[in-house]
Amino acid sequence: MMEKQQYAVGDIVRMKKTHPCGSSEWEVLRTGMDFRLKCQGCGHLVMMPRTKFEKMVRAIVRTNGTPAE
């Protein structure tokens, strides 16, 4: 069984779909039942349920300011 990925405030994640501004990278501002994300291109803020977030995330780009392994 695959281990659940852990997400933390400050992580930069790459999503499957690009934002209309052209960026596909988002900063995690809040975790829990809902995730609050900030677009790294235009600064747009969105809230989405954890289930939708986990389906849409492709990779963690940076973990709290440090590059992911």
PDB file of N, CA and C in Angstrom:
ATOM      1  N   MET A   1       0.841  -1.192   0.000  1.00  0.00           N
ATOM      2  CA  MET A   1       0.000   0.000   0.000  1.00  0.00           C
ATOM      3  C   MET A   1       0.879   1.246   0.000  1.00  0.00           C
ATOM      4  N   MET A   2       0.474   2.251  -0.785  1.00  0.00           N
ATOM      5  CA  MET A   2       1.264   3.477  -0.875  1.00  0.00           C
ATOM      6  C   MET A   2       1.013   4.364   0.347  1.00  0.00           C
ATOM      7  N   GLU A   3       2.092   4.945   0.855  1.00  0.00           N
ATOM      8  CA  GLU A   3       1.983   5.825   2.013  1.00  0.00           C
ATOM      9  C   GLU A   3       1.375   7.154   1.595  1.00  0.00           C
ATOM     10  N   LYS A   4       0.484   7.700   2.435  1.00  0.00           N
ATOM     11  CA  LYS A   4      -0.141   8.994   2.126  1.00  0.00           C
ATOM     12  C   LYS A   4       0.900  10.100   2.152  1.00  0.00           C
ATOM     13  N   GLN A   5       0.855  10.953   1.133  1.00  0.00           N
ATOM     14  CA  GLN A   5       1.777  12.086   1.044  1.00  0.00           C
ATOM     15  C   GLN A   5       1.411  13.122   2.117  1.00  0.00           C
ATOM     16  N   GLN A   6       2.423  13.663   2.770  1.00  0.00           N
ATOM     17  CA  GLN A   6       2.202  14.693   3.781  1.00  0.00           C
ATOM     18  C   GLN A   6       2.437  16.064   3.160  1.00  0.00           C
ATOM     19  N   TYR A   7       1.522  16.984   3.402  1.00  0.00           N
ATOM     20  CA  TYR A   7       1.644  18.347   2.906  1.00  0.00           C
ATOM     21  C   TYR A   7       1.723  19.285   4.092  1.00  0.00           C
ATOM     22  N   ALA A   8       2.533  20.332   3.982  1.00  0.00           N
ATOM     23  CA  ALA A   8       2.707  21.283   5.075  1.00  0.00           C
ATOM     24  C   ALA A   8       2.545  22.697   4.551  1.00  0.00           C
ATOM     25  N   VAL A   9       2.181  23.602   5.441  1.00  0.00           N
ATOM     26  CA  VAL A   9       2.075  25.016   5.089  1.00  0.00           C
ATOM     27  C   VAL A   9       3.445  25.489   4.607  1.00  0.00           C
ATOM     28  N   GLY A  10       3.467  26.180   3.493  1.00  0.00           N
ATOM     29  CA  GLY A  10       4.723  26.655   2.923  1.00  0.00           C
ATOM     30  C   GLY A  10       5.223  25.814   1.761  1.00  0.00           C
ATOM     31  N   ASP A  11       4.667  24.599   1.590  1.00  0.00           N
ATOM     32  CA  ASP A  11       5.057  23.755   0.453  1.00  0.00           C
ATOM     33  C   ASP A  11       4.606  24.401  -0.854  1.00  0.00           C
ATOM     34  N   ILE A  12       5.405  24.213  -1.902  1.00  0.00           N
ATOM     35  CA  ILE A  12       5.022  24.631  -3.250  1.00  0.00           C
ATOM     36  C   ILE A  12       4.709  23.350  -4.013  1.00  0.00           C
ATOM     37  N   VAL A  13       3.492  23.260  -4.550  1.00  0.00           N
ATOM     38  CA  VAL A  13       3.074  22.053  -5.266  1.00  0.00           C
ATOM     39  C   VAL A  13       2.781  22.373  -6.724  1.00  0.00           C
ATOM     40  N   ARG A  14       2.984  21.372  -7.596  1.00  0.00           N
ATOM     41  CA  ARG A  14       2.633  21.508  -9.009  1.00  0.00           C
ATOM     42  C   ARG A  14       1.330  20.759  -9.236  1.00  0.00           C
ATOM     43  N   MET A  15       0.353  21.440  -9.836  1.00  0.00           N
ATOM     44  CA  MET A  15      -0.954  20.836 -10.097  1.00  0.00           C
ATOM     45  C   MET A  15      -1.012  20.304 -11.529  1.00  0.00           C
ATOM     46  N   LYS A  16      -1.984  19.400 -11.787  1.00  0.00           N
ATOM     47  CA  LYS A  16      -2.142  18.819 -13.117  1.00  0.00           C
ATOM     48  C   LYS A  16      -2.571  19.866 -14.137  1.00  0.00           C
ATOM     49  N   LYS A  17      -3.489  20.754 -13.742  1.00  0.00           N
ATOM     50  CA  LYS A  17      -3.977  21.791 -14.659  1.00  0.00           C
ATOM     51  C   LYS A  17      -3.281  23.107 -14.360  1.00  0.00           C
ATOM     52  N   THR A  18      -3.008  23.880 -15.425  1.00  0.00           N
ATOM     53  CA  THR A  18      -2.419  25.201 -15.223  1.00  0.00           C
ATOM     54  C   THR A  18      -3.528  26.201 -14.923  1.00  0.00           C
ATOM     55  N   HIS A  19      -3.203  27.212 -14.140  1.00  0.00           N
ATOM     56  CA  HIS A  19      -4.114  28.300 -13.819  1.00  0.00           C
ATOM     57  C   HIS A  19      -4.251  29.169 -15.074  1.00  0.00           C
ATOM     58  N   PRO A  20      -5.377  29.873 -15.255  1.00  0.00           N
ATOM     59  CA  PRO A  20      -5.514  30.742 -16.434  1.00  0.00           C
ATOM     60  C   PRO A  20      -4.346  31.724 -16.633  1.00  0.00           C
ATOM     61  N   CYS A  21      -3.644  32.087 -15.554  1.00  0.00           N
ATOM     62  CA  CYS A  21      -2.505  33.010 -15.689  1.00  0.00           C
ATOM     63  C   CYS A  21      -1.285  32.310 -16.292  1.00  0.00           C
ATOM     64  N   GLY A  22      -1.307  30.979 -16.381  1.00  0.00           N
ATOM     65  CA  GLY A  22      -0.205  30.239 -17.003  1.00  0.00           C
ATOM     66  C   GLY A  22       0.657  29.463 -16.018  1.00  0.00           C
ATOM     67  N   SER A  23       0.500  29.709 -14.719  1.00  0.00           N
ATOM     68  CA  SER A  23       1.310  29.030 -13.712  1.00  0.00           C
ATOM     69  C   SER A  23       0.628  27.733 -13.260  1.00  0.00           C
ATOM     70  N   SER A  24       1.422  26.703 -12.976  1.00  0.00           N
ATOM     71  CA  SER A  24       0.851  25.458 -12.436  1.00  0.00           C
ATOM     72  C   SER A  24       1.387  25.194 -11.028  1.00  0.00           C
ATOM     73  N   GLU A  25       2.100  26.178 -10.459  1.00  0.00           N
ATOM     74  CA  GLU A  25       2.655  26.025  -9.114  1.00  0.00           C
ATOM     75  C   GLU A  25       1.857  26.845  -8.107  1.00  0.00           C
ATOM     76  N   TRP A  26       1.591  26.214  -6.961  1.00  0.00           N
ATOM     77  CA  TRP A  26       0.770  26.825  -5.913  1.00  0.00           C
ATOM     78  C   TRP A  26       1.456  26.655  -4.561  1.00  0.00           C
ATOM     79  N   GLU A  27       1.314  27.650  -3.696  1.00  0.00           N
ATOM     80  CA  GLU A  27       1.835  27.571  -2.330  1.00  0.00           C
ATOM     81  C   GLU A  27       0.705  27.146  -1.407  1.00  0.00           C
ATOM     82  N   VAL A  28       0.977  26.178  -0.526  1.00  0.00           N
ATOM     83  CA  VAL A  28      -0.011  25.710   0.443  1.00  0.00           C
ATOM     84  C   VAL A  28      -0.022  26.693   1.618  1.00  0.00           C
ATOM     85  N   LEU A  29      -1.178  27.327   1.862  1.00  0.00           N
ATOM     86  CA  LEU A  29      -1.314  28.281   2.963  1.00  0.00           C
ATOM     87  C   LEU A  29      -2.044  27.671   4.151  1.00  0.00           C
ATOM     88  N   ARG A  30      -2.829  26.606   3.916  1.00  0.00           N
ATOM     89  CA  ARG A  30      -3.586  25.973   4.992  1.00  0.00           C
ATOM     90  C   ARG A  30      -3.816  24.518   4.632  1.00  0.00           C
ATOM     91  N   THR A  31      -3.679  23.626   5.611  1.00  0.00           N
ATOM     92  CA  THR A  31      -3.960  22.205   5.405  1.00  0.00           C
ATOM     93  C   THR A  31      -5.051  21.777   6.374  1.00  0.00           C
ATOM     94  N   GLY A  32      -5.634  20.631   6.117  1.00  0.00           N
ATOM     95  CA  GLY A  32      -6.706  20.109   6.972  1.00  0.00           C
ATOM     96  C   GLY A  32      -7.753  19.475   6.073  1.00  0.00           C
ATOM     97  N   MET A  33      -9.022  19.613   6.446  1.00  0.00           N
ATOM     98  CA  MET A  33     -10.113  19.106   5.606  1.00  0.00           C
ATOM     99  C   MET A  33     -10.138  19.865   4.281  1.00  0.00           C
ATOM    100  N   ASP A  34      -9.818  21.163   4.346  1.00  0.00           N
ATOM    101  CA  ASP A  34      -9.740  22.005   3.151  1.00  0.00           C
ATOM    102  C   ASP A  34      -8.326  22.533   3.025  1.00  0.00           C
ATOM    103  N   PHE A  35      -7.909  22.758   1.801  1.00  0.00           N
ATOM    104  CA  PHE A  35      -6.593  23.335   1.528  1.00  0.00           C
ATOM    105  C   PHE A  35      -6.784  24.739   0.981  1.00  0.00           C
ATOM    106  N   ARG A  36      -5.978  25.689   1.457  1.00  0.00           N
ATOM    107  CA  ARG A  36      -5.973  27.034   0.902  1.00  0.00           C
ATOM    108  C   ARG A  36      -4.677  27.165   0.117  1.00  0.00           C
ATOM    109  N   LEU A  37      -4.811  27.560  -1.144  1.00  0.00           N
ATOM    110  CA  LEU A  37      -3.664  27.627  -2.045  1.00  0.00           C
ATOM    111  C   LEU A  37      -3.527  29.019  -2.635  1.00  0.00           C
ATOM    112  N   LYS A  38      -2.277  29.412  -2.878  1.00  0.00           N
ATOM    113  CA  LYS A  38      -1.985  30.709  -3.505  1.00  0.00           C
ATOM    114  C   LYS A  38      -1.221  30.457  -4.797  1.00  0.00           C
ATOM    115  N   CYS A  39      -1.741  30.970  -5.910  1.00  0.00           N
ATOM    116  CA  CYS A  39      -1.090  30.823  -7.206  1.00  0.00           C
ATOM    117  C   CYS A  39       0.235  31.569  -7.182  1.00  0.00           C
ATOM    118  N   GLN A  40       1.302  30.909  -7.664  1.00  0.00           N
ATOM    119  CA  GLN A  40       2.624  31.531  -7.675  1.00  0.00           C
ATOM    120  C   GLN A  40       2.801  32.488  -8.846  1.00  0.00           C
ATOM    121  N   GLY A  41       1.867  32.447  -9.805  1.00  0.00           N
ATOM    122  CA  GLY A  41       1.942  33.346 -10.948  1.00  0.00           C
ATOM    123  C   GLY A  41       1.286  34.687 -10.664  1.00  0.00           C
ATOM    124  N   CYS A  42       0.014  34.653 -10.216  1.00  0.00           N
ATOM    125  CA  CYS A  42      -0.750  35.892 -10.070  1.00  0.00           C
ATOM    126  C   CYS A  42      -1.184  36.189  -8.638  1.00  0.00           C
ATOM    127  N   GLY A  43      -0.966  35.254  -7.709  1.00  0.00           N
ATOM    128  CA  GLY A  43      -1.332  35.494  -6.313  1.00  0.00           C
ATOM    129  C   GLY A  43      -2.773  35.175  -5.969  1.00  0.00           C
ATOM    130  N   HIS A  44      -3.527  34.594  -6.918  1.00  0.00           N
ATOM    131  CA  HIS A  44      -4.937  34.241  -6.675  1.00  0.00           C
ATOM    132  C   HIS A  44      -5.036  33.200  -5.560  1.00  0.00           C
ATOM    133  N   LEU A  45      -6.012  33.362  -4.656  1.00  0.00           N
ATOM    134  CA  LEU A  45      -6.210  32.431  -3.540  1.00  0.00           C
ATOM    135  C   LEU A  45      -7.429  31.549  -3.808  1.00  0.00           C
ATOM    136  N   VAL A  46      -7.295  30.258  -3.555  1.00  0.00           N
ATOM    137  CA  VAL A  46      -8.416  29.329  -3.695  1.00  0.00           C
ATOM    138  C   VAL A  46      -8.482  28.393  -2.494  1.00  0.00           C
ATOM    139  N   MET A  47      -9.687  27.928  -2.195  1.00  0.00           N
ATOM    140  CA  MET A  47      -9.900  26.901  -1.176  1.00  0.00           C
ATOM    141  C   MET A  47     -10.445  25.681  -1.910  1.00  0.00           C
ATOM    142  N   MET A  48      -9.963  24.492  -1.540  1.00  0.00           N
ATOM    143  CA  MET A  48     -10.520  23.282  -2.120  1.00  0.00           C
ATOM    144  C   MET A  48     -10.476  22.148  -1.098  1.00  0.00           C
ATOM    145  N   PRO A  49     -11.452  21.235  -1.190  1.00  0.00           N
ATOM    146  CA  PRO A  49     -11.463  20.095  -0.262  1.00  0.00           C
ATOM    147  C   PRO A  49     -10.225  19.224  -0.455  1.00  0.00           C
ATOM    148  N   ARG A  50      -9.794  18.576   0.621  1.00  0.00           N
ATOM    149  CA  ARG A  50      -8.602  17.713   0.600  1.00  0.00           C
ATOM    150  C   ARG A  50      -8.678  16.664  -0.510  1.00  0.00           C
ATOM    151  N   THR A  51      -9.841  16.032  -0.689  1.00  0.00           N
ATOM    152  CA  THR A  51      -9.969  14.967  -1.689  1.00  0.00           C
ATOM    153  C   THR A  51      -9.671  15.493  -3.093  1.00  0.00           C
ATOM    154  N   LYS A  52     -10.212  16.657  -3.436  1.00  0.00           N
ATOM    155  CA  LYS A  52      -9.970  17.249  -4.754  1.00  0.00           C
ATOM    156  C   LYS A  52      -8.503  17.649  -4.891  1.00  0.00           C
ATOM    157  N   PHE A  53      -7.933  18.234  -3.833  1.00  0.00           N
ATOM    158  CA  PHE A  53      -6.524  18.647  -3.848  1.00  0.00           C
ATOM    159  C   PHE A  53      -5.620  17.447  -4.122  1.00  0.00           C
ATOM    160  N   GLU A  54      -5.845  16.339  -3.408  1.00  0.00           N
ATOM    161  CA  GLU A  54      -4.989  15.155  -3.551  1.00  0.00           C
ATOM    162  C   GLU A  54      -5.088  14.544  -4.949  1.00  0.00           C
ATOM    163  N   LYS A  55      -6.250  14.676  -5.611  1.00  0.00           N
ATOM    164  CA  LYS A  55      -6.400  14.174  -6.976  1.00  0.00           C
ATOM    165  C   LYS A  55      -5.683  15.070  -7.975  1.00  0.00           C
ATOM    166  N   MET A  56      -5.667  16.387  -7.698  1.00  0.00           N
ATOM    167  CA  MET A  56      -5.136  17.347  -8.665  1.00  0.00           C
ATOM    168  C   MET A  56      -3.639  17.612  -8.542  1.00  0.00           C
ATOM    169  N   VAL A  57      -3.045  17.301  -7.387  1.00  0.00           N
ATOM    170  CA  VAL A  57      -1.619  17.605  -7.197  1.00  0.00           C
ATOM    171  C   VAL A  57      -0.762  16.593  -7.951  1.00  0.00           C
ATOM    172  N   ARG A  58       0.279  17.094  -8.620  1.00  0.00           N
ATOM    173  CA  ARG A  58       1.172  16.219  -9.383  1.00  0.00           C
ATOM    174  C   ARG A  58       2.460  15.953  -8.617  1.00  0.00           C
ATOM    175  N   ALA A  59       3.042  16.997  -8.004  1.00  0.00           N
ATOM    176  CA  ALA A  59       4.314  16.832  -7.299  1.00  0.00           C
ATOM    177  C   ALA A  59       4.537  17.985  -6.330  1.00  0.00           C
ATOM    178  N   ILE A  60       5.365  17.727  -5.307  1.00  0.00           N
ATOM    179  CA  ILE A  60       5.813  18.807  -4.426  1.00  0.00           C
ATOM    180  C   ILE A  60       7.094  19.349  -5.043  1.00  0.00           C
ATOM    181  N   VAL A  61       7.102  20.649  -5.352  1.00  0.00           N
ATOM    182  CA  VAL A  61       8.266  21.277  -5.966  1.00  0.00           C
ATOM    183  C   VAL A  61       9.279  21.652  -4.880  1.00  0.00           C
ATOM    184  N   ARG A  62       8.802  22.332  -3.833  1.00  0.00           N
ATOM    185  CA  ARG A  62       9.657  22.721  -2.717  1.00  0.00           C
ATOM    186  C   ARG A  62       8.915  22.470  -1.410  1.00  0.00           C
ATOM    187  N   THR A  63       9.635  22.032  -0.399  1.00  0.00           N
ATOM    188  CA  THR A  63       9.063  21.787   0.913  1.00  0.00           C
ATOM    189  C   THR A  63       9.526  22.892   1.858  1.00  0.00           C
ATOM    190  N   ASN A  64       8.608  23.737   2.292  1.00  0.00           N
ATOM    191  CA  ASN A  64       8.926  24.842   3.205  1.00  0.00           C
ATOM    192  C   ASN A  64      10.178  25.602   2.801  1.00  0.00           C
ATOM    193  N   GLY A  65      10.270  25.942   1.513  1.00  0.00           N
ATOM    194  CA  GLY A  65      11.390  26.747   1.037  1.00  0.00           C
ATOM    195  C   GLY A  65      12.621  25.971   0.603  1.00  0.00           C
ATOM    196  N   THR A  66      12.659  24.649   0.848  1.00  0.00           N
ATOM    197  CA  THR A  66      13.807  23.852   0.406  1.00  0.00           C
ATOM    198  C   THR A  66      13.370  22.949  -0.739  1.00  0.00           C
ATOM    199  N   PRO A  67      14.208  22.731  -1.764  1.00  0.00           N
ATOM    200  CA  PRO A  67      13.816  21.866  -2.889  1.00  0.00           C
ATOM    201  C   PRO A  67      13.486  20.457  -2.417  1.00  0.00           C
ATOM    202  N   ALA A  68      12.408  19.873  -2.986  1.00  0.00           N
ATOM    203  CA  ALA A  68      12.013  18.507  -2.643  1.00  0.00           C
ATOM    204  C   ALA A  68      13.007  17.521  -3.243  1.00  0.00           C
ATOM    205  N   GLU A  69      13.146  16.334  -2.625  1.00  0.00           N
ATOM    206  CA  GLU A  69      14.085  15.310  -3.099  1.00  0.00           C
ATOM    207  C   GLU A  69      13.703  14.866  -4.488  1.00  0.00           C
TER     208      GLU A  69
END
